[in-house]
Amino acid sequence: QVQLVESGGGLVQAGGSLRLSCAASGRTFSSVAMGWYRQAPGPEREFVAAISWSGGSTAYADSVKDRFTISRDNAKNTVYLQMNSLKPEDTAIYFCNAQVSRRPLWPWGQGTQVTVSS
């Protein structure tokens, strides 16, 4: 059973930066595309960014394009999300997951809270 542990969230002022990390257990990490998702208060969990298994291809939601960068280190079974120029509307709990066509594959981790103050 793969487990996902997100970290790196916190409270930051608008315009600031944070770097999120997601460590995955299990042998399959390096063979799957990974994604970041977020959930603001409410039932919807939205796609944020994705990266191919090799790291050679990335995709972003329009709302974060040119501000966020997804990357991965397969040797460490870890995927990252560098978030710059943060806005109050980026406030959410952030989750990572394996994904296909932006659809999550594995059980969710606990997530990490990001709060951006205005």
Protein backbone atom coordinates (compact mmCIF):
# COMPACT_ATOMS: atom_id res chain seq x y z
CA GLN A 1 0.00 0.00 0.00
CA VAL A 2 1.49 3.32 -1.06
CA GLN A 3 1.48 6.09 1.52
CA LEU A 4 1.77 9.80 0.75
CA VAL A 5 3.09 12.36 3.25
CA GLU A 6 2.84 16.03 2.32
CA SER A 7 4.79 18.76 4.11
CA GLY A 8 6.01 22.33 3.75
CA GLY A 9 2.79 24.25 4.16
CA GLY A 10 2.39 27.25 6.41
CA LEU A 11 1.24 30.84 6.72
CA VAL A 12 2.68 33.33 4.25
CA GLN A 13 1.85 36.85 3.13
CA ALA A 14 0.55 37.52 -0.35
CA GLY A 15 3.43 37.67 -2.79
CA GLY A 16 5.48 35.20 -0.77
CA SER A 17 6.71 31.72 -1.60
CA LEU A 18 6.49 28.21 -0.22
CA ARG A 19 7.90 24.87 -1.31
CA LEU A 20 5.78 21.80 -0.70
CA SER A 21 7.14 18.26 -0.59
CA CYS A 22 5.39 14.93 -0.93
CA ALA A 23 7.15 11.73 0.03
CA ALA A 24 5.75 8.47 -1.28
CA SER A 25 6.45 5.01 0.03
CA GLY A 26 6.45 2.01 -2.27
CA ARG A 27 8.32 0.91 -5.35
CA THR A 28 5.97 2.28 -7.98
CA PHE A 29 6.67 6.00 -7.52
CA SER A 30 9.25 6.32 -10.28
CA SER A 31 6.95 4.72 -12.85
CA VAL A 32 3.88 6.92 -12.40
CA ALA A 33 2.94 10.48 -13.20
CA MET A 34 2.31 12.55 -10.09
CA GLY A 35 0.09 15.49 -9.39
CA TRP A 36 -0.72 18.15 -6.84
CA TYR A 37 -4.29 19.00 -5.89
CA ARG A 38 -5.83 21.45 -3.45
CA GLN A 39 -9.01 21.76 -1.48
CA ALA A 40 -10.26 25.07 -0.17
CA PRO A 41 -13.12 24.99 2.37
CA GLY A 42 -15.83 23.00 0.60
CA PRO A 43 -16.19 19.63 -1.09
CA GLU A 44 -14.28 20.27 -4.28
CA ARG A 45 -10.66 19.17 -4.68
CA GLU A 46 -9.10 20.76 -7.73
CA PHE A 47 -6.15 19.84 -9.89
CA VAL A 48 -3.11 22.10 -9.56
CA ALA A 49 -0.18 20.54 -11.42
CA ALA A 50 1.14 17.27 -12.83
CA ILE A 51 4.49 15.84 -13.84
CA SER A 52 5.30 12.78 -15.93
CA TRP A 53 7.17 9.80 -14.47
CA SER A 54 10.45 11.04 -15.95
CA GLY A 55 9.91 14.68 -15.07
CA GLY A 56 10.12 15.63 -18.72
CA SER A 57 6.56 16.85 -19.06
CA THR A 58 4.49 19.08 -16.80
CA ALA A 59 1.00 20.56 -16.81
CA TYR A 60 -0.65 23.27 -14.73
CA ALA A 61 -4.05 24.65 -13.93
CA ASP A 62 -4.53 28.06 -15.52
CA SER A 63 -4.88 29.63 -12.08
CA VAL A 64 -1.30 28.71 -11.09
CA LYS A 65 0.50 28.75 -14.42
CA ASP A 66 3.68 30.85 -14.38
CA ARG A 67 3.62 30.99 -10.56
CA PHE A 68 3.94 27.34 -9.50
CA THR A 69 6.54 24.77 -10.58
CA ILE A 70 6.23 21.03 -10.08
CA SER A 71 9.32 18.81 -9.96
CA ARG A 72 10.30 15.37 -8.72
CA ASP A 73 13.26 13.38 -7.47
CA ASN A 74 12.69 9.71 -8.20
CA ALA A 75 15.73 8.70 -6.16
CA LYS A 76 14.02 10.18 -3.10
CA ASN A 77 10.46 9.15 -4.05
CA THR A 78 9.51 12.80 -3.63
CA VAL A 79 7.55 15.32 -5.66
CA TYR A 80 7.75 19.07 -5.01
CA LEU A 81 5.64 22.13 -5.66
CA GLN A 82 7.41 25.48 -5.67
CA MET A 83 4.81 28.19 -5.19
CA ASN A 84 5.74 31.80 -5.90
CA SER A 85 3.72 35.02 -5.98
CA LEU A 86 1.15 33.46 -3.69
CA LYS A 87 -2.34 34.93 -3.55
CA PRO A 88 -5.04 34.69 -0.86
CA GLU A 89 -7.05 32.51 -3.24
CA ASP A 90 -4.26 29.92 -3.11
CA THR A 91 -5.25 29.21 0.49
CA ALA A 92 -6.16 25.52 0.70
CA ILE A 93 -5.03 22.12 1.87
CA TYR A 94 -2.60 20.75 -0.70
CA PHE A 95 -2.38 17.05 -1.56
CA CYS A 96 -0.26 14.99 -3.89
CA ASN A 97 -1.22 11.78 -5.67
CA ALA A 98 -0.35 9.59 -8.57
CA GLN A 99 -2.54 10.56 -11.47
CA VAL A 100 -3.67 9.66 -14.97
CA SER A 101 -5.34 12.38 -17.01
CA ARG A 102 -5.46 14.48 -13.83
CA ARG A 103 -7.47 11.79 -12.04
CA PRO A 104 -5.95 10.56 -8.74
CA LEU A 105 -5.01 6.89 -8.38
CA TRP A 106 -3.94 6.23 -4.79
CA PRO A 107 -5.44 6.78 -1.34
CA TRP A 108 -5.04 10.39 -0.22
CA GLY A 109 -2.54 11.51 2.40
CA GLN A 110 -3.26 14.07 5.11
CA GLY A 111 -2.30 17.05 3.00
CA THR A 112 -0.51 20.22 4.09
CA GLN A 113 -2.25 23.49 4.87
CA VAL A 114 -1.26 26.63 2.97
CA THR A 115 -2.65 29.93 4.18
CA VAL A 116 -1.95 33.15 2.30
CA SER A 117 -2.81 36.38 4.10
CA SER A 118 -3.61 39.60 2.27
